[in-house]
Amino acid sequence: MAIFFSPSEIFQFAIKIEENGEAFYRKMSNKFKDSQTKELFLYLADEETKHKQKFKEMLSEIEDYQPPQSYPEEYFLYLKSYADEHIFSQEKTAYFMSEEKIAPKKIIEFALDIEKDSILYYLEAKNLVSPSQKDKLDKIIEEERKHYLKLLEVKKKW
């Protein structure tokens, strides 16, 4: 069975990913007393907030678009579950939330993986939106890449 994918759904998934990321980074910032580590996680949380706002704006601008082909239901379910289960999911972040003391390097390594997962998600999502929306997703992908590089730079210092 094939379904037509609604592009607005991809942006709704993306908004949820950004909300989860923001909450995660804010909670991680509270785990540290040193200002450099605290500021890093607050910066990342603020960036997730900016991305969420961008996605909300894009969502409001989406035209009534139907992709030129139908996508298998499994592909749609894959993207939905990827957003729900693999990027800042409660299960993935529970360990970091519950640990009283945790090395910043471990959180940074986890965040690097999350940023990679986000990039992969948005690259896949580009297949399901109108050509006029692809450039907007490219901008978000570029922002996620910047986060990745910033985290990589920070990791080298630990």
N, C-alpha and C. Protein backbone atom coordinates (compact mmCIF):
# COMPACT_ATOMS: atom_id res chain seq x y z
N MET A 1 0.83 -1.18 0.00
CA MET A 1 0.00 0.00 0.00
C MET A 1 0.88 1.25 0.00
N ALA A 2 0.57 2.18 -0.84
CA ALA A 2 1.33 3.43 -0.91
C ALA A 2 0.47 4.55 -0.35
N ILE A 3 1.15 5.55 0.21
CA ILE A 3 0.44 6.71 0.74
C ILE A 3 1.08 7.96 0.17
N PHE A 4 0.37 9.05 0.17
CA PHE A 4 0.94 10.33 -0.16
C PHE A 4 1.37 10.99 1.13
N PHE A 5 2.55 11.50 1.12
CA PHE A 5 3.10 12.11 2.31
C PHE A 5 2.72 13.58 2.35
N SER A 6 2.29 14.03 3.49
CA SER A 6 1.98 15.44 3.68
C SER A 6 3.24 16.16 4.16
N PRO A 7 3.75 17.11 3.39
CA PRO A 7 4.97 17.81 3.80
C PRO A 7 4.84 18.49 5.16
N SER A 8 3.64 18.91 5.53
CA SER A 8 3.49 19.56 6.83
C SER A 8 3.88 18.61 7.96
N GLU A 9 3.69 17.32 7.74
CA GLU A 9 4.04 16.36 8.79
C GLU A 9 5.54 16.33 9.04
N ILE A 10 6.34 16.47 8.00
CA ILE A 10 7.79 16.45 8.19
C ILE A 10 8.22 17.62 9.06
N PHE A 11 7.59 18.77 8.89
CA PHE A 11 7.93 19.92 9.71
C PHE A 11 7.41 19.75 11.14
N GLN A 12 6.28 19.08 11.31
CA GLN A 12 5.79 18.80 12.66
C GLN A 12 6.74 17.86 13.39
N PHE A 13 7.25 16.85 12.67
CA PHE A 13 8.25 15.96 13.28
C PHE A 13 9.50 16.75 13.65
N ALA A 14 9.91 17.63 12.75
CA ALA A 14 11.12 18.41 12.98
C ALA A 14 10.95 19.34 14.19
N ILE A 15 9.78 19.92 14.34
CA ILE A 15 9.51 20.78 15.51
C ILE A 15 9.65 19.96 16.79
N LYS A 16 9.13 18.76 16.78
CA LYS A 16 9.22 17.89 17.96
C LYS A 16 10.69 17.54 18.27
N ILE A 17 11.46 17.26 17.24
CA ILE A 17 12.89 16.97 17.43
C ILE A 17 13.58 18.16 18.09
N GLU A 18 13.30 19.34 17.61
CA GLU A 18 13.93 20.55 18.16
C GLU A 18 13.48 20.80 19.60
N GLU A 19 12.22 20.57 19.90
CA GLU A 19 11.73 20.73 21.28
C GLU A 19 12.44 19.76 22.21
N ASN A 20 12.57 18.51 21.77
CA ASN A 20 13.27 17.52 22.59
C ASN A 20 14.73 17.90 22.79
N GLY A 21 15.36 18.40 21.73
CA GLY A 21 16.75 18.83 21.83
C GLY A 21 16.93 20.00 22.78
N GLU A 22 16.05 20.95 22.67
CA GLU A 22 16.11 22.11 23.56
C GLU A 22 16.00 21.68 25.03
N ALA A 23 15.02 20.84 25.32
CA ALA A 23 14.83 20.38 26.70
C ALA A 23 16.07 19.63 27.19
N PHE A 24 16.62 18.77 26.34
CA PHE A 24 17.80 18.00 26.72
C PHE A 24 18.97 18.92 27.05
N TYR A 25 19.29 19.85 26.16
CA TYR A 25 20.45 20.72 26.38
C TYR A 25 20.24 21.62 27.60
N ARG A 26 19.04 22.08 27.84
CA ARG A 26 18.79 22.91 29.03
C ARG A 26 19.01 22.10 30.31
N LYS A 27 18.52 20.88 30.31
CA LYS A 27 18.73 20.04 31.50
C LYS A 27 20.21 19.73 31.69
N MET A 28 20.92 19.52 30.60
CA MET A 28 22.35 19.24 30.71
C MET A 28 23.10 20.46 31.24
N SER A 29 22.66 21.64 30.86
CA SER A 29 23.34 22.86 31.34
C SER A 29 23.23 22.99 32.85
N ASN A 30 22.15 22.47 33.43
CA ASN A 30 21.96 22.55 34.88
C ASN A 30 22.83 21.57 35.65
N LYS A 31 23.46 20.64 34.96
CA LYS A 31 24.29 19.65 35.63
C LYS A 31 25.70 20.16 35.92
N PHE A 32 26.04 21.33 35.39
CA PHE A 32 27.41 21.81 35.51
C PHE A 32 27.47 23.18 36.16
N LYS A 33 28.51 23.36 36.95
CA LYS A 33 28.71 24.64 37.62
C LYS A 33 29.66 25.54 36.83
N ASP A 34 30.61 24.92 36.10
CA ASP A 34 31.55 25.77 35.38
C ASP A 34 30.85 26.45 34.21
N SER A 35 31.14 27.73 34.07
CA SER A 35 30.40 28.56 33.13
C SER A 35 30.62 28.16 31.68
N GLN A 36 31.79 27.67 31.32
CA GLN A 36 32.06 27.31 29.93
C GLN A 36 31.15 26.16 29.48
N THR A 37 31.05 25.12 30.30
CA THR A 37 30.21 23.97 29.95
C THR A 37 28.74 24.36 29.97
N LYS A 38 28.36 25.08 31.00
CA LYS A 38 26.96 25.55 31.11
C LYS A 38 26.57 26.38 29.89
N GLU A 39 27.44 27.32 29.52
CA GLU A 39 27.16 28.19 28.37
C GLU A 39 27.08 27.41 27.06
N LEU A 40 27.90 26.38 26.90
CA LEU A 40 27.84 25.56 25.69
C LEU A 40 26.46 24.94 25.53
N PHE A 41 25.97 24.31 26.59
CA PHE A 41 24.68 23.64 26.51
C PHE A 41 23.52 24.63 26.39
N LEU A 42 23.64 25.78 27.02
CA LEU A 42 22.61 26.81 26.85
C LEU A 42 22.60 27.35 25.42
N TYR A 43 23.79 27.51 24.84
CA TYR A 43 23.89 27.93 23.44
C TYR A 43 23.19 26.92 22.53
N LEU A 44 23.48 25.64 22.74
CA LEU A 44 22.86 24.60 21.91
C LEU A 44 21.34 24.58 22.10
N ALA A 45 20.87 24.79 23.32
CA ALA A 45 19.43 24.85 23.58
C ALA A 45 18.81 26.03 22.83
N ASP A 46 19.47 27.17 22.88
CA ASP A 46 18.95 28.35 22.17
C ASP A 46 18.92 28.12 20.66
N GLU A 47 19.91 27.42 20.15
CA GLU A 47 19.93 27.10 18.72
C GLU A 47 18.75 26.19 18.35
N GLU A 48 18.45 25.23 19.21
CA GLU A 48 17.30 24.35 18.95
C GLU A 48 16.01 25.17 18.95
N THR A 49 15.92 26.16 19.84
CA THR A 49 14.75 27.04 19.88
C THR A 49 14.61 27.81 18.57
N LYS A 50 15.74 28.31 18.06
CA LYS A 50 15.72 29.03 16.79
C LYS A 50 15.26 28.12 15.65
N HIS A 51 15.77 26.88 15.65
CA HIS A 51 15.36 25.94 14.61
C HIS A 51 13.87 25.64 14.70
N LYS A 52 13.39 25.46 15.91
CA LYS A 52 11.95 25.20 16.09
C LYS A 52 11.13 26.35 15.51
N GLN A 53 11.56 27.57 15.76
CA GLN A 53 10.83 28.73 15.23
C GLN A 53 10.88 28.75 13.71
N LYS A 54 12.04 28.44 13.14
CA LYS A 54 12.16 28.39 11.69
C LYS A 54 11.20 27.35 11.11
N PHE A 55 11.13 26.19 11.76
CA PHE A 55 10.23 25.15 11.27
C PHE A 55 8.77 25.57 11.38
N LYS A 56 8.44 26.27 12.46
CA LYS A 56 7.06 26.75 12.59
C LYS A 56 6.72 27.74 11.48
N GLU A 57 7.67 28.62 11.17
CA GLU A 57 7.46 29.56 10.07
C GLU A 57 7.30 28.83 8.74
N MET A 58 8.14 27.84 8.50
CA MET A 58 8.05 27.07 7.26
C MET A 58 6.72 26.32 7.19
N LEU A 59 6.30 25.79 8.31
CA LEU A 59 5.05 25.05 8.36
C LEU A 59 3.88 25.96 7.96
N SER A 60 3.93 27.20 8.40
CA SER A 60 2.84 28.13 8.06
C SER A 60 2.86 28.54 6.59
N GLU A 61 4.00 28.37 5.93
CA GLU A 61 4.13 28.78 4.53
C GLU A 61 3.95 27.64 3.53
N ILE A 62 3.80 26.44 4.03
CA ILE A 62 3.74 25.29 3.12
C ILE A 62 2.53 25.39 2.22
N GLU A 63 2.81 25.24 0.94
CA GLU A 63 1.72 25.24 -0.02
C GLU A 63 1.05 23.87 -0.02
N ASP A 64 -0.09 23.80 -0.63
CA ASP A 64 -0.78 22.52 -0.77
C ASP A 64 -0.04 21.72 -1.82
N TYR A 65 0.85 20.88 -1.37
CA TYR A 65 1.75 20.18 -2.27
C TYR A 65 1.56 18.68 -2.13
N GLN A 66 1.49 18.00 -3.22
CA GLN A 66 1.49 16.55 -3.23
C GLN A 66 2.75 16.10 -3.95
N PRO A 67 3.53 15.25 -3.35
CA PRO A 67 4.74 14.76 -4.03
C PRO A 67 4.37 14.12 -5.36
N PRO A 68 5.30 14.15 -6.31
CA PRO A 68 4.98 13.61 -7.63
C PRO A 68 4.76 12.11 -7.65
N GLN A 69 5.13 11.44 -6.60
CA GLN A 69 4.90 10.01 -6.53
C GLN A 69 4.43 9.65 -5.13
N SER A 70 3.89 8.49 -5.01
CA SER A 70 3.50 8.04 -3.67
C SER A 70 4.68 7.31 -3.05
N TYR A 71 4.71 7.32 -1.74
CA TYR A 71 5.78 6.66 -1.02
C TYR A 71 5.21 5.48 -0.26
N PRO A 72 5.98 4.43 -0.20
CA PRO A 72 5.47 3.28 0.57
C PRO A 72 5.23 3.68 2.02
N GLU A 73 4.21 3.09 2.58
CA GLU A 73 3.87 3.38 3.97
C GLU A 73 5.06 3.14 4.88
N GLU A 74 5.87 2.13 4.57
CA GLU A 74 7.02 1.80 5.40
C GLU A 74 8.01 2.97 5.45
N TYR A 75 8.17 3.71 4.35
CA TYR A 75 9.09 4.83 4.32
C TYR A 75 8.60 5.95 5.23
N PHE A 76 7.33 6.24 5.15
CA PHE A 76 6.74 7.25 6.02
C PHE A 76 6.89 6.84 7.48
N LEU A 77 6.57 5.60 7.79
CA LEU A 77 6.69 5.11 9.16
C LEU A 77 8.14 5.14 9.64
N TYR A 78 9.05 4.87 8.72
CA TYR A 78 10.48 4.95 9.04
C TYR A 78 10.84 6.36 9.49
N LEU A 79 10.44 7.36 8.73
CA LEU A 79 10.76 8.75 9.09
C LEU A 79 10.11 9.15 10.40
N LYS A 80 8.87 8.76 10.59
CA LYS A 80 8.17 9.10 11.83
C LYS A 80 8.86 8.44 13.03
N SER A 81 9.16 7.16 12.92
CA SER A 81 9.80 6.48 14.04
C SER A 81 11.22 7.00 14.27
N TYR A 82 11.89 7.38 13.20
CA TYR A 82 13.23 7.94 13.33
C TYR A 82 13.18 9.22 14.16
N ALA A 83 12.19 10.05 13.88
CA ALA A 83 12.03 11.29 14.63
C ALA A 83 11.64 11.01 16.09
N ASP A 84 10.73 10.07 16.28
CA ASP A 84 10.22 9.78 17.62
C ASP A 84 11.20 9.00 18.48
N GLU A 85 11.89 8.05 17.87
CA GLU A 85 12.66 7.08 18.66
C GLU A 85 14.17 7.28 18.63
N HIS A 86 14.69 7.95 17.62
CA HIS A 86 16.13 7.99 17.46
C HIS A 86 16.77 9.34 17.70
N ILE A 87 16.00 10.38 17.71
CA ILE A 87 16.58 11.71 17.89
C ILE A 87 16.01 12.32 19.16
N PHE A 88 16.84 12.43 20.16
CA PHE A 88 16.46 12.99 21.45
C PHE A 88 15.23 12.31 22.05
N SER A 89 15.10 11.01 21.85
CA SER A 89 13.99 10.30 22.46
C SER A 89 14.18 10.26 23.97
N GLN A 90 13.10 10.08 24.67
CA GLN A 90 13.18 10.02 26.14
C GLN A 90 14.04 8.85 26.59
N GLU A 91 13.95 7.74 25.87
CA GLU A 91 14.75 6.57 26.25
C GLU A 91 16.23 6.84 26.05
N LYS A 92 16.59 7.52 24.97
CA LYS A 92 18.00 7.79 24.70
C LYS A 92 18.57 8.80 25.69
N THR A 93 17.76 9.74 26.11
CA THR A 93 18.26 10.79 27.00
C THR A 93 18.10 10.46 28.48
N ALA A 94 17.34 9.42 28.80
CA ALA A 94 17.06 9.09 30.21
C ALA A 94 18.33 8.88 31.03
N TYR A 95 19.28 8.21 30.47
CA TYR A 95 20.53 7.95 31.19
C TYR A 95 21.18 9.26 31.61
N PHE A 96 21.29 10.20 30.69
CA PHE A 96 21.95 11.47 30.98
C PHE A 96 21.14 12.31 31.96
N MET A 97 19.83 12.19 31.89
CA MET A 97 18.97 12.93 32.80
C MET A 97 19.08 12.39 34.23
N SER A 98 19.23 11.07 34.36
CA SER A 98 19.20 10.45 35.67
C SER A 98 20.55 10.47 36.38
N GLU A 99 21.64 10.57 35.65
CA GLU A 99 22.95 10.56 36.28
C GLU A 99 23.21 11.85 37.03
N GLU A 100 23.60 11.71 38.27
CA GLU A 100 23.90 12.89 39.08
C GLU A 100 25.17 13.57 38.58
N LYS A 101 26.21 12.77 38.39
CA LYS A 101 27.47 13.30 37.90
C LYS A 101 27.81 12.56 36.61
N ILE A 102 28.08 13.33 35.60
CA ILE A 102 28.44 12.75 34.31
C ILE A 102 29.46 13.65 33.65
N ALA A 103 30.41 13.04 32.98
CA ALA A 103 31.46 13.80 32.32
C ALA A 103 30.88 14.56 31.13
N PRO A 104 31.22 15.83 31.02
CA PRO A 104 30.74 16.60 29.87
C PRO A 104 31.10 15.94 28.53
N LYS A 105 32.26 15.28 28.49
CA LYS A 105 32.70 14.63 27.24
C LYS A 105 31.69 13.57 26.79
N LYS A 106 31.12 12.82 27.74
CA LYS A 106 30.12 11.80 27.39
C LYS A 106 28.87 12.44 26.79
N ILE A 107 28.46 13.55 27.36
CA ILE A 107 27.28 14.26 26.84
C ILE A 107 27.59 14.81 25.45
N ILE A 108 28.79 15.34 25.29
CA ILE A 108 29.18 15.89 24.00
C ILE A 108 29.22 14.80 22.94
N GLU A 109 29.74 13.63 23.28
CA GLU A 109 29.76 12.51 22.34
C GLU A 109 28.33 12.11 21.96
N PHE A 110 27.47 12.07 22.95
CA PHE A 110 26.06 11.75 22.69
C PHE A 110 25.44 12.82 21.78
N ALA A 111 25.71 14.08 22.08
CA ALA A 111 25.17 15.17 21.28
C ALA A 111 25.69 15.11 19.84
N LEU A 112 26.94 14.70 19.66
CA LEU A 112 27.48 14.54 18.31
C LEU A 112 26.68 13.49 17.53
N ASP A 113 26.38 12.39 18.19
CA ASP A 113 25.56 11.35 17.54
C ASP A 113 24.18 11.88 17.20
N ILE A 114 23.60 12.65 18.10
CA ILE A 114 22.26 13.20 17.87
C ILE A 114 22.28 14.17 16.68
N GLU A 115 23.31 15.01 16.62
CA GLU A 115 23.40 15.94 15.49
C GLU A 115 23.53 15.18 14.18
N LYS A 116 24.32 14.10 14.17
CA LYS A 116 24.43 13.28 12.95
C LYS A 116 23.08 12.68 12.59
N ASP A 117 22.37 12.16 13.59
CA ASP A 117 21.04 11.59 13.34
C ASP A 117 20.08 12.65 12.78
N SER A 118 20.17 13.86 13.30
CA SER A 118 19.31 14.95 12.81
C SER A 118 19.62 15.26 11.35
N ILE A 119 20.89 15.33 11.03
CA ILE A 119 21.29 15.61 9.65
C ILE A 119 20.74 14.54 8.72
N LEU A 120 20.91 13.29 9.11
CA LEU A 120 20.40 12.18 8.27
C LEU A 120 18.89 12.27 8.11
N TYR A 121 18.20 12.61 9.18
CA TYR A 121 16.75 12.74 9.12
C TYR A 121 16.34 13.82 8.12
N TYR A 122 16.96 14.98 8.22
CA TYR A 122 16.58 16.09 7.34
C TYR A 122 16.97 15.80 5.89
N LEU A 123 18.06 15.09 5.69
CA LEU A 123 18.43 14.69 4.32
C LEU A 123 17.36 13.77 3.73
N GLU A 124 16.88 12.84 4.52
CA GLU A 124 15.81 11.95 4.07
C GLU A 124 14.52 12.73 3.83
N ALA A 125 14.23 13.66 4.71
CA ALA A 125 13.00 14.44 4.62
C ALA A 125 12.95 15.27 3.34
N LYS A 126 14.11 15.64 2.83
CA LYS A 126 14.14 16.43 1.60
C LYS A 126 13.47 15.70 0.43
N ASN A 127 13.43 14.38 0.50
CA ASN A 127 12.78 13.60 -0.56
C ASN A 127 11.27 13.75 -0.57
N LEU A 128 10.73 14.33 0.50
CA LEU A 128 9.28 14.33 0.68
C LEU A 128 8.65 15.71 0.70
N VAL A 129 9.42 16.71 0.36
CA VAL A 129 8.86 18.06 0.35
C VAL A 129 8.97 18.66 -1.05
N SER A 130 8.24 19.73 -1.27
CA SER A 130 8.24 20.37 -2.58
C SER A 130 9.62 20.96 -2.87
N PRO A 131 9.94 21.11 -4.13
CA PRO A 131 11.23 21.72 -4.49
C PRO A 131 11.45 23.08 -3.83
N SER A 132 10.39 23.85 -3.65
CA SER A 132 10.55 25.18 -3.04
C SER A 132 10.89 25.10 -1.54
N GLN A 133 10.65 23.96 -0.91
CA GLN A 133 10.96 23.79 0.51
C GLN A 133 12.35 23.19 0.73
N LYS A 134 12.93 22.58 -0.29
CA LYS A 134 14.22 21.90 -0.13
C LYS A 134 15.32 22.85 0.32
N ASP A 135 15.33 24.06 -0.21
CA ASP A 135 16.38 25.00 0.19
C ASP A 135 16.25 25.38 1.67
N LYS A 136 15.03 25.39 2.17
CA LYS A 136 14.84 25.69 3.60
C LYS A 136 15.40 24.56 4.46
N LEU A 137 15.16 23.34 4.03
CA LEU A 137 15.73 22.21 4.76
C LEU A 137 17.26 22.22 4.66
N ASP A 138 17.79 22.63 3.51
CA ASP A 138 19.25 22.74 3.37
C ASP A 138 19.83 23.69 4.40
N LYS A 139 19.12 24.78 4.69
CA LYS A 139 19.59 25.75 5.69
C LYS A 139 19.62 25.12 7.08
N ILE A 140 18.60 24.34 7.39
CA ILE A 140 18.57 23.66 8.69
C ILE A 140 19.68 22.62 8.77
N ILE A 141 19.88 21.88 7.68
CA ILE A 141 20.96 20.89 7.65
C ILE A 141 22.30 21.57 7.89
N GLU A 142 22.49 22.72 7.28
CA GLU A 142 23.74 23.46 7.47
C GLU A 142 23.90 23.89 8.94
N GLU A 143 22.82 24.30 9.57
CA GLU A 143 22.87 24.66 10.99
C GLU A 143 23.24 23.45 11.84
N GLU A 144 22.66 22.31 11.53
CA GLU A 144 22.98 21.09 12.28
C GLU A 144 24.45 20.72 12.09
N ARG A 145 24.96 20.92 10.89
CA ARG A 145 26.38 20.65 10.64
C ARG A 145 27.26 21.59 11.46
N LYS A 146 26.85 22.85 11.59
CA LYS A 146 27.59 23.81 12.41
C LYS A 146 27.61 23.35 13.87
N HIS A 147 26.46 22.87 14.34
CA HIS A 147 26.41 22.34 15.71
C HIS A 147 27.38 21.18 15.86
N TYR A 148 27.38 20.31 14.90
CA TYR A 148 28.26 19.15 14.94
C TYR A 148 29.72 19.60 15.03
N LEU A 149 30.11 20.53 14.17
CA LEU A 149 31.50 21.00 14.16
C LEU A 149 31.86 21.71 15.47
N LYS A 150 30.93 22.48 16.02
CA LYS A 150 31.17 23.16 17.30
C LYS A 150 31.37 22.13 18.41
N LEU A 151 30.52 21.11 18.42
CA LEU A 151 30.65 20.06 19.43
C LEU A 151 31.96 19.29 19.26
N LEU A 152 32.35 19.04 18.03
CA LEU A 152 33.60 18.34 17.76
C LEU A 152 34.79 19.15 18.27
N GLU A 153 34.73 20.43 18.05
CA GLU A 153 35.79 21.34 18.53
C GLU A 153 35.86 21.32 20.05
N VAL A 154 34.70 21.37 20.69
CA VAL A 154 34.65 21.35 22.15
C VAL A 154 35.16 20.02 22.69
N LYS A 155 34.79 18.93 22.04
CA LYS A 155 35.20 17.59 22.49
C LYS A 155 36.73 17.48 22.52
N LYS A 156 37.40 18.07 21.55
CA LYS A 156 38.86 18.02 21.47
C LYS A 156 39.51 18.69 22.68
N LYS A 157 38.82 19.62 23.31
CA LYS A 157 39.36 20.35 24.44
C LYS A 157 39.24 19.57 25.75
N TRP A 158 38.42 18.55 25.78
CA TRP A 158 38.20 17.83 27.04
C TRP A 158 39.28 16.81 27.24
